[in-house]
Amino acid sequence: MSDQVSREPGELLGVDNVLLPVGDIGEAVGFYERAGFPPAFRLDEAGIAVLKVGKETPGVLLRLDGEPSHRPPPWASPRLWVEVPDARDAARSLAAAGIEALDEPFSGATGWTVEIADPWGNVIGFTDYTKRPELARG
């Protein structure tokens, strides 16, 4: 008898990593550290770095892209949002770290969100559940 749970082929089990293309690993790691993402590990020779997101195993994987130039975020750019206790506090912390928000924090159905863009146009949102605390991570 097997202790393994039967799984459907193609069943989604969870998030592994989110990959973001960057033009310079050192610059990107520095930017994301200032934004609150501590590095889990870094392999400059492979052109990658993995950043921690809270206590979760999945992280943000920065991958060196062949295009090193900085670019503004296009409106249609994919967005990665991470949960924070208070997005308006996060906006103040980001500003204090020299990271400009794309706009003022805005209110949504569950709480507040503020978005930033890295130098390569990847958009990261910091969102809270202040309006729906029962949905928050704790």
C-alpha atoms as a PDB file:
ATOM      1  CA  MET A   1       0.000   0.000   0.000  1.00  0.00           C
ATOM      2  CA  SER A   2       1.300   3.445  -0.919  1.00  0.00           C
ATOM      3  CA  ASP A   3       1.166   6.508   1.322  1.00  0.00           C
ATOM      4  CA  GLN A   4       1.203   8.766  -1.737  1.00  0.00           C
ATOM      5  CA  VAL A   5      -1.910  10.782  -2.475  1.00  0.00           C
ATOM      6  CA  SER A   6      -3.382  10.123  -5.896  1.00  0.00           C
ATOM      7  CA  ARG A   7      -3.080  13.240  -8.052  1.00  0.00           C
ATOM      8  CA  GLU A   8      -4.626  14.150 -11.343  1.00  0.00           C
ATOM      9  CA  PRO A   9      -2.191  14.726 -14.219  1.00  0.00           C
ATOM     10  CA  GLY A  10      -1.662  18.451 -14.613  1.00  0.00           C
ATOM     11  CA  GLU A  11      -3.136  19.252 -11.174  1.00  0.00           C
ATOM     12  CA  LEU A  12      -1.934  22.627  -9.894  1.00  0.00           C
ATOM     13  CA  LEU A  13      -0.203  22.139  -6.547  1.00  0.00           C
ATOM     14  CA  GLY A  14       0.992  25.665  -5.815  1.00  0.00           C
ATOM     15  CA  VAL A  15       3.353  28.421  -6.885  1.00  0.00           C
ATOM     16  CA  ASP A  16       6.990  27.454  -7.404  1.00  0.00           C
ATOM     17  CA  ASN A  17       8.747  30.740  -8.256  1.00  0.00           C
ATOM     18  CA  VAL A  18       7.868  33.908 -10.112  1.00  0.00           C
ATOM     19  CA  LEU A  19      10.526  34.753 -12.720  1.00  0.00           C
ATOM     20  CA  LEU A  20      11.348  38.365 -13.512  1.00  0.00           C
ATOM     21  CA  PRO A  21      13.753  39.385 -16.290  1.00  0.00           C
ATOM     22  CA  VAL A  22      16.375  41.940 -15.259  1.00  0.00           C
ATOM     23  CA  GLY A  23      19.339  43.547 -16.981  1.00  0.00           C
ATOM     24  CA  ASP A  24      21.837  43.386 -14.103  1.00  0.00           C
ATOM     25  CA  ILE A  25      21.716  40.877 -11.227  1.00  0.00           C
ATOM     26  CA  GLY A  26      23.666  43.057  -8.771  1.00  0.00           C
ATOM     27  CA  GLU A  27      21.556  46.140  -9.413  1.00  0.00           C
ATOM     28  CA  ALA A  28      18.344  44.097  -9.267  1.00  0.00           C
ATOM     29  CA  VAL A  29      19.236  42.394  -5.972  1.00  0.00           C
ATOM     30  CA  GLY A  30      20.074  45.799  -4.473  1.00  0.00           C
ATOM     31  CA  PHE A  31      16.762  47.277  -5.648  1.00  0.00           C
ATOM     32  CA  TYR A  32      14.705  44.370  -4.320  1.00  0.00           C
ATOM     33  CA  GLU A  33      16.570  44.312  -1.000  1.00  0.00           C
ATOM     34  CA  ARG A  34      15.614  47.980  -0.519  1.00  0.00           C
ATOM     35  CA  ALA A  35      12.009  46.989  -1.330  1.00  0.00           C
ATOM     36  CA  GLY A  36      12.058  44.337   1.433  1.00  0.00           C
ATOM     37  CA  PHE A  37      12.904  41.133  -0.478  1.00  0.00           C
ATOM     38  CA  PRO A  38      15.920  39.455   1.184  1.00  0.00           C
ATOM     39  CA  PRO A  39      18.025  37.231  -1.071  1.00  0.00           C
ATOM     40  CA  ALA A  40      17.729  33.469  -0.547  1.00  0.00           C
ATOM     41  CA  PHE A  41      20.650  32.735  -2.858  1.00  0.00           C
ATOM     42  CA  ARG A  42      22.485  34.234  -5.782  1.00  0.00           C
ATOM     43  CA  LEU A  43      24.407  32.633  -8.665  1.00  0.00           C
ATOM     44  CA  ASP A  44      25.904  35.472 -10.675  1.00  0.00           C
ATOM     45  CA  GLU A  45      27.679  33.056 -13.045  1.00  0.00           C
ATOM     46  CA  ALA A  46      24.274  31.555 -13.944  1.00  0.00           C
ATOM     47  CA  GLY A  47      22.619  34.982 -14.102  1.00  0.00           C
ATOM     48  CA  ILE A  48      20.031  34.271 -11.387  1.00  0.00           C
ATOM     49  CA  ALA A  49      19.119  35.259  -7.863  1.00  0.00           C
ATOM     50  CA  VAL A  50      16.207  34.053  -5.738  1.00  0.00           C
ATOM     51  CA  LEU A  51      14.560  36.419  -3.281  1.00  0.00           C
ATOM     52  CA  LYS A  52      12.458  35.414  -0.285  1.00  0.00           C
ATOM     53  CA  VAL A  53       8.793  36.368   0.023  1.00  0.00           C
ATOM     54  CA  GLY A  54       7.820  36.083   3.670  1.00  0.00           C
ATOM     55  CA  LYS A  55       8.106  32.592   5.143  1.00  0.00           C
ATOM     56  CA  GLU A  56       6.956  30.868   1.967  1.00  0.00           C
ATOM     57  CA  THR A  57       9.193  28.518  -0.005  1.00  0.00           C
ATOM     58  CA  PRO A  58       8.357  30.023  -3.413  1.00  0.00           C
ATOM     59  CA  GLY A  59      10.249  33.166  -4.186  1.00  0.00           C
ATOM     60  CA  VAL A  60      10.987  35.758  -6.809  1.00  0.00           C
ATOM     61  CA  LEU A  61      13.597  34.493  -9.235  1.00  0.00           C
ATOM     62  CA  LEU A  62      15.515  37.269 -10.946  1.00  0.00           C
ATOM     63  CA  ARG A  63      16.926  36.086 -14.263  1.00  0.00           C
ATOM     64  CA  LEU A  64      19.459  37.977 -16.337  1.00  0.00           C
ATOM     65  CA  ASP A  65      17.854  38.957 -19.615  1.00  0.00           C
ATOM     66  CA  GLY A  66      19.833  39.744 -22.740  1.00  0.00           C
ATOM     67  CA  GLU A  67      18.368  43.282 -22.706  1.00  0.00           C
ATOM     68  CA  PRO A  68      20.183  45.265 -20.011  1.00  0.00           C
ATOM     69  CA  SER A  69      18.528  48.622 -20.611  1.00  0.00           C
ATOM     70  CA  HIS A  70      16.148  50.166 -18.146  1.00  0.00           C
ATOM     71  CA  ARG A  71      12.606  50.567 -19.354  1.00  0.00           C
ATOM     72  CA  PRO A  72       9.416  52.054 -17.920  1.00  0.00           C
ATOM     73  CA  PRO A  73       6.552  49.688 -17.072  1.00  0.00           C
ATOM     74  CA  PRO A  74       4.016  49.381 -19.875  1.00  0.00           C
ATOM     75  CA  TRP A  75       0.378  49.471 -18.815  1.00  0.00           C
ATOM     76  CA  ALA A  76      -0.118  45.863 -19.927  1.00  0.00           C
ATOM     77  CA  SER A  77       2.844  44.594 -17.906  1.00  0.00           C
ATOM     78  CA  PRO A  78       2.166  41.553 -15.689  1.00  0.00           C
ATOM     79  CA  ARG A  79       2.041  42.384 -12.008  1.00  0.00           C
ATOM     80  CA  LEU A  80       3.167  40.450  -8.950  1.00  0.00           C
ATOM     81  CA  TRP A  81       1.399  41.483  -5.759  1.00  0.00           C
ATOM     82  CA  VAL A  82       2.641  40.469  -2.325  1.00  0.00           C
ATOM     83  CA  GLU A  83       0.724  40.738   0.919  1.00  0.00           C
ATOM     84  CA  VAL A  84       1.854  43.191   3.585  1.00  0.00           C
ATOM     85  CA  PRO A  85       0.218  44.155   6.904  1.00  0.00           C
ATOM     86  CA  ASP A  86      -0.420  47.749   5.754  1.00  0.00           C
ATOM     87  CA  ALA A  87       0.156  48.924   2.177  1.00  0.00           C
ATOM     88  CA  ARG A  88       0.155  52.606   3.117  1.00  0.00           C
ATOM     89  CA  ASP A  89       2.951  51.933   5.630  1.00  0.00           C
ATOM     90  CA  ALA A  90       4.758  49.951   2.925  1.00  0.00           C
ATOM     91  CA  ALA A  91       4.483  52.973   0.600  1.00  0.00           C
ATOM     92  CA  ARG A  92       6.144  55.165   3.232  1.00  0.00           C
ATOM     93  CA  SER A  93       8.917  52.593   3.800  1.00  0.00           C
ATOM     94  CA  LEU A  94       9.531  52.269   0.060  1.00  0.00           C
ATOM     95  CA  ALA A  95       9.737  56.063  -0.300  1.00  0.00           C
ATOM     96  CA  ALA A  96      12.197  56.196   2.610  1.00  0.00           C
ATOM     97  CA  ALA A  97      14.303  53.567   0.781  1.00  0.00           C
ATOM     98  CA  GLY A  98      14.334  55.762  -2.346  1.00  0.00           C
ATOM     99  CA  ILE A  99      11.796  53.693  -4.294  1.00  0.00           C
ATOM    100  CA  GLU A 100       9.098  55.771  -5.959  1.00  0.00           C
ATOM    101  CA  ALA A 101       5.565  54.394  -6.176  1.00  0.00           C
ATOM    102  CA  LEU A 102       3.857  54.357  -9.578  1.00  0.00           C
ATOM    103  CA  ASP A 103       0.925  56.193  -8.019  1.00  0.00           C
ATOM    104  CA  GLU A 104      -0.632  56.943  -4.651  1.00  0.00           C
ATOM    105  CA  PRO A 105      -1.856  53.895  -2.680  1.00  0.00           C
ATOM    106  CA  PHE A 106      -5.325  52.944  -3.888  1.00  0.00           C
ATOM    107  CA  SER A 107      -8.226  51.248  -2.166  1.00  0.00           C
ATOM    108  CA  GLY A 108      -9.718  47.990  -3.387  1.00  0.00           C
ATOM    109  CA  ALA A 109     -12.212  45.401  -2.200  1.00  0.00           C
ATOM    110  CA  THR A 110      -9.899  43.855   0.391  1.00  0.00           C
ATOM    111  CA  GLY A 111      -7.750  46.826   1.418  1.00  0.00           C
ATOM    112  CA  TRP A 112      -5.020  49.086   0.060  1.00  0.00           C
ATOM    113  CA  THR A 113      -2.371  48.559  -2.632  1.00  0.00           C
ATOM    114  CA  VAL A 114       0.707  50.461  -3.764  1.00  0.00           C
ATOM    115  CA  GLU A 115       2.711  49.511  -6.859  1.00  0.00           C
ATOM    116  CA  ILE A 116       6.348  50.065  -7.776  1.00  0.00           C
ATOM    117  CA  ALA A 117       8.372  49.170 -10.858  1.00  0.00           C
ATOM    118  CA  ASP A 118      11.928  47.925 -10.936  1.00  0.00           C
ATOM    119  CA  PRO A 119      14.371  49.517 -13.412  1.00  0.00           C
ATOM    120  CA  TRP A 120      13.346  46.957 -16.088  1.00  0.00           C
ATOM    121  CA  GLY A 121       9.619  47.650 -15.862  1.00  0.00           C
ATOM    122  CA  ASN A 122       8.577  44.682 -13.685  1.00  0.00           C
ATOM    123  CA  VAL A 123       5.651  45.857 -11.529  1.00  0.00           C
ATOM    124  CA  ILE A 124       5.366  44.743  -7.899  1.00  0.00           C
ATOM    125  CA  GLY A 125       2.318  45.542  -5.794  1.00  0.00           C
ATOM    126  CA  PHE A 126       2.199  45.615  -2.008  1.00  0.00           C
ATOM    127  CA  THR A 127      -1.363  44.891  -0.888  1.00  0.00           C
ATOM    128  CA  ASP A 128      -3.095  44.478   2.453  1.00  0.00           C
ATOM    129  CA  TYR A 129      -6.331  42.962   3.742  1.00  0.00           C
ATOM    130  CA  THR A 130      -7.282  45.748   6.126  1.00  0.00           C
ATOM    131  CA  LYS A 131     -10.879  45.685   4.843  1.00  0.00           C
ATOM    132  CA  ARG A 132     -11.093  41.880   4.954  1.00  0.00           C
ATOM    133  CA  PRO A 133      -8.776  40.806   7.813  1.00  0.00           C
ATOM    134  CA  GLU A 134     -10.323  37.335   7.876  1.00  0.00           C
ATOM    135  CA  LEU A 135      -8.596  36.693   4.510  1.00  0.00           C
ATOM    136  CA  ALA A 136      -5.153  37.920   5.668  1.00  0.00           C
ATOM    137  CA  ARG A 137      -2.251  35.582   6.364  1.00  0.00           C
ATOM    138  CA  GLY A 138      -2.189  36.433   9.993  1.00  0.00           C
END
